[in-house]
Protein backbone atom coordinates (compact mmCIF):
# COMPACT_ATOMS: atom_id res chain seq x y z
CA MET A 1 93.55 96.10 77.56
CA LEU A 2 90.40 98.33 77.16
CA ALA A 3 88.16 95.34 78.08
CA PHE A 4 90.29 94.71 81.23
CA LYS A 5 89.87 98.24 82.29
CA GLN A 6 86.15 98.36 81.70
CA VAL A 7 85.67 95.18 83.78
CA PHE A 8 88.04 96.38 86.61
CA ASP A 9 86.34 99.89 86.82
CA SER A 10 82.85 98.65 86.61
CA SER A 11 83.11 95.61 88.94
CA SER A 12 82.25 95.72 92.70
CA LYS A 13 84.81 93.99 95.12
CA ILE A 14 82.48 90.97 95.46
CA GLN A 15 82.06 90.74 91.66
CA MET A 16 85.89 91.09 91.21
CA ASP A 17 86.38 88.30 93.91
CA TYR A 18 84.10 86.00 91.95
CA ILE A 19 85.83 86.72 88.70
CA CYS A 20 89.31 86.13 90.18
CA LEU A 21 87.94 82.72 91.60
CA GLN A 22 86.41 81.79 88.26
CA TYR A 23 89.36 82.86 86.11
CA PRO A 24 92.79 82.68 88.12
CA GLY A 25 94.59 84.01 84.99
CA PHE A 26 92.57 87.24 85.60
CA PHE A 27 94.05 87.77 89.04
CA ARG A 28 97.66 87.07 87.74
CA PHE A 29 97.23 89.52 84.88
CA ALA A 30 95.66 92.06 87.33
CA LYS A 31 98.56 91.51 89.73
CA MET A 32 101.14 91.96 86.86
CA MET A 33 99.44 95.16 85.65
CA GLU A 34 99.64 96.51 89.31
CA LEU A 35 103.21 95.51 89.56
CA LEU A 36 104.02 97.39 86.19
CA ALA A 37 102.07 100.42 87.07
CA GLN A 38 103.90 100.83 90.51
CA GLY A 39 107.22 100.20 88.62
CA ILE A 40 106.55 103.03 86.27
CA ALA A 41 105.14 105.29 89.04
CA ASP A 42 108.26 104.75 91.13
CA GLY A 43 110.63 105.33 88.10
CA VAL A 44 111.94 101.74 88.42
CA ILE A 45 110.51 101.06 84.90
CA GLN A 46 111.26 103.75 82.37
CA VAL A 47 108.83 104.39 79.47
CA PRO A 48 110.03 105.94 76.38
CA LYS A 49 108.82 109.52 75.91
CA GLU A 50 106.96 108.71 72.72
CA HIS A 51 104.89 106.28 74.88
CA SER A 52 104.22 108.36 77.84
CA THR A 53 101.22 110.48 78.60
């Protein structure tokens, strides 16, 4: 997960587009992470207190 965040945070939009074209799984993983984060933020997905920050 740390490697994904580092790539995501350090890449420009053009670089990210290129990565997503070269590695379709990267886009699918990023989309799943986006949906998961949105679900947690909206309260739809509950995170146990011992795992929340």
